[in-house]
Amino acid sequence: MKTSIVKYQGGLRTEAVHLKSGNKLLTDAPTDNHGKGEAFSPTDLLATSLGCCMLSIMGIVAMEHHFIFEESSIETTKIMAANPRRVSEIIMEVQMPKIHFSEQQKRLLEHAALNCPVSKSLHPDIKQTVTFRY
């Protein structure tokens, strides 16, 4: 089943439509690469996708083990390299909810995050730096 349709809008902007839901997403080239920077860049989405995946998989683990996980968040930082221009590192700061997690729950959540599908799909040359803050 097809996932999305991406259309070039001109001015280094694209519009992606999620076919199942109809939700739309705009991207712009970043200002350091001839763009307006008024929306996520494609490489921003790469880093953001990692954060979304980590939280989703951690949420599944919490749901399966019957503990609360809401109000967690991840701040992402994307580091670019040149020659060739590419993402060289994604820094993830995972802010956990202000509740007490057992050591077993922490291990389950951290293992889930570090082994989410997006993390495992990224090229090994992209450094993934992850910090969990409880």
Protein backbone atom coordinates (compact mmCIF):
# COMPACT_ATOMS: atom_id res chain seq x y z
CA MET A 1 0.00 0.00 0.00
CA LYS A 2 1.36 3.41 -0.93
CA THR A 3 2.21 5.74 1.95
CA SER A 4 2.26 9.26 0.59
CA ILE A 5 2.37 11.55 -2.38
CA VAL A 6 5.00 14.30 -2.39
CA LYS A 7 4.59 17.26 -4.73
CA TYR A 8 7.13 19.96 -5.51
CA GLN A 9 5.54 23.36 -4.85
CA GLY A 10 8.37 25.51 -6.21
CA GLY A 11 10.72 27.70 -4.22
CA LEU A 12 12.38 24.60 -2.70
CA ARG A 13 9.14 23.64 -0.92
CA THR A 14 7.34 20.29 -1.02
CA GLU A 15 3.93 19.17 0.19
CA ALA A 16 3.50 15.58 1.33
CA VAL A 17 0.06 14.04 1.70
CA HIS A 18 -0.39 10.97 3.90
CA LEU A 19 -2.70 8.83 1.77
CA LYS A 20 -4.53 7.01 4.56
CA SER A 21 -5.41 10.10 6.62
CA GLY A 22 -5.11 12.99 4.18
CA ASN A 23 -2.83 14.86 6.61
CA LYS A 24 -0.42 17.25 4.93
CA LEU A 25 3.15 18.20 5.71
CA LEU A 26 5.27 20.95 4.17
CA THR A 27 9.04 20.98 3.87
CA ASP A 28 11.39 23.79 2.95
CA ALA A 29 15.05 23.68 2.15
CA PRO A 30 16.98 25.12 5.11
CA THR A 31 18.33 28.66 5.00
CA ASP A 32 21.91 27.34 4.85
CA ASN A 33 21.02 25.48 1.64
CA HIS A 34 19.22 28.12 -0.45
CA GLY A 35 15.83 27.71 1.23
CA LYS A 36 13.40 29.77 3.25
CA GLY A 37 13.55 27.58 6.34
CA GLU A 38 9.84 28.21 7.01
CA ALA A 39 9.04 24.54 7.60
CA PHE A 40 10.82 21.33 8.51
CA SER A 41 13.62 20.49 6.09
CA PRO A 42 13.81 16.89 4.87
CA THR A 43 16.81 16.31 7.16
CA ASP A 44 14.89 17.89 10.07
CA LEU A 45 12.21 15.29 9.42
CA LEU A 46 14.81 12.54 9.54
CA ALA A 47 15.88 13.57 13.04
CA THR A 48 12.29 14.24 14.12
CA SER A 49 11.22 10.85 12.79
CA LEU A 50 13.75 9.19 15.07
CA GLY A 51 12.25 10.99 18.09
CA CYS A 52 8.69 10.12 17.08
CA CYS A 53 9.62 6.48 16.60
CA MET A 54 11.43 6.27 19.94
CA LEU A 55 8.47 7.72 21.85
CA SER A 56 5.96 5.53 20.01
CA ILE A 57 7.86 2.33 20.73
CA MET A 58 8.42 3.38 24.36
CA GLY A 59 4.67 4.05 24.59
CA ILE A 60 3.95 0.53 23.35
CA VAL A 61 6.26 -0.93 26.00
CA ALA A 62 4.59 1.15 28.73
CA MET A 63 1.14 0.10 27.52
CA GLU A 64 2.09 -3.59 27.38
CA HIS A 65 3.56 -3.45 30.90
CA HIS A 66 0.74 -1.29 32.33
CA PHE A 67 2.59 1.80 33.46
CA ILE A 68 2.22 5.50 32.71
CA PHE A 69 4.39 7.13 30.09
CA GLU A 70 2.44 10.23 29.02
CA GLU A 71 4.11 13.66 29.08
CA SER A 72 7.48 12.39 27.92
CA SER A 73 9.23 14.35 25.18
CA ILE A 74 12.37 14.38 23.08
CA GLU A 75 14.40 17.38 21.97
CA THR A 76 16.29 16.61 18.79
CA THR A 77 19.41 18.26 17.44
CA LYS A 78 20.57 17.48 13.92
CA ILE A 79 24.26 17.92 13.09
CA MET A 80 25.15 18.32 9.42
CA ALA A 81 28.43 17.44 7.73
CA ALA A 82 29.80 18.61 4.38
CA ASN A 83 31.36 16.82 1.41
CA PRO A 84 28.96 15.18 0.97
CA ARG A 85 26.26 17.24 2.70
CA ARG A 86 24.53 14.81 5.03
CA VAL A 87 23.30 14.26 8.57
CA SER A 88 26.30 13.17 10.62
CA GLU A 89 24.75 13.03 14.10
CA ILE A 90 21.35 13.13 15.75
CA ILE A 91 21.32 14.12 19.42
CA MET A 92 18.24 13.02 21.36
CA GLU A 93 17.45 14.33 24.84
CA VAL A 94 14.63 12.19 26.21
CA GLN A 95 12.73 13.91 29.03
CA MET A 96 10.87 11.30 31.03
CA PRO A 97 7.71 12.07 33.03
CA LYS A 98 8.27 13.15 36.62
CA ILE A 99 7.19 9.82 38.09
CA HIS A 100 9.18 7.02 39.68
CA PHE A 101 10.24 4.31 37.24
CA SER A 102 11.68 1.06 38.52
CA GLU A 103 15.07 0.03 37.20
CA GLN A 104 13.36 -2.69 35.14
CA GLN A 105 10.97 -0.15 33.59
CA LYS A 106 13.91 2.12 32.74
CA ARG A 107 15.75 -0.76 31.06
CA LEU A 108 12.66 -1.73 29.05
CA LEU A 109 12.02 1.85 27.91
CA GLU A 110 15.63 2.61 27.03
CA HIS A 111 16.04 -0.66 25.13
CA ALA A 112 12.86 0.07 23.17
CA ALA A 113 14.01 3.58 22.28
CA LEU A 114 17.49 2.56 21.20
CA ASN A 115 16.13 -0.27 19.05
CA CYS A 116 13.17 1.44 17.41
CA PRO A 117 12.66 0.81 13.67
CA VAL A 118 13.89 4.24 12.57
CA SER A 119 17.04 3.90 14.67
CA LYS A 120 17.75 0.53 13.09
CA SER A 121 17.05 1.93 9.60
CA LEU A 122 19.59 4.76 9.78
CA HIS A 123 23.00 4.30 8.22
CA PRO A 124 25.61 3.31 10.84
CA ASP A 125 27.67 6.40 9.91
CA ILE A 126 24.97 8.59 11.47
CA LYS A 127 25.92 8.89 15.12
CA GLN A 128 22.95 8.59 17.49
CA THR A 129 23.59 10.25 20.85
CA VAL A 130 20.77 9.59 23.30
CA THR A 131 20.41 10.91 26.85
CA PHE A 132 17.54 9.87 29.15
CA ARG A 133 16.55 12.39 31.82
CA TYR A 134 14.45 11.04 34.68
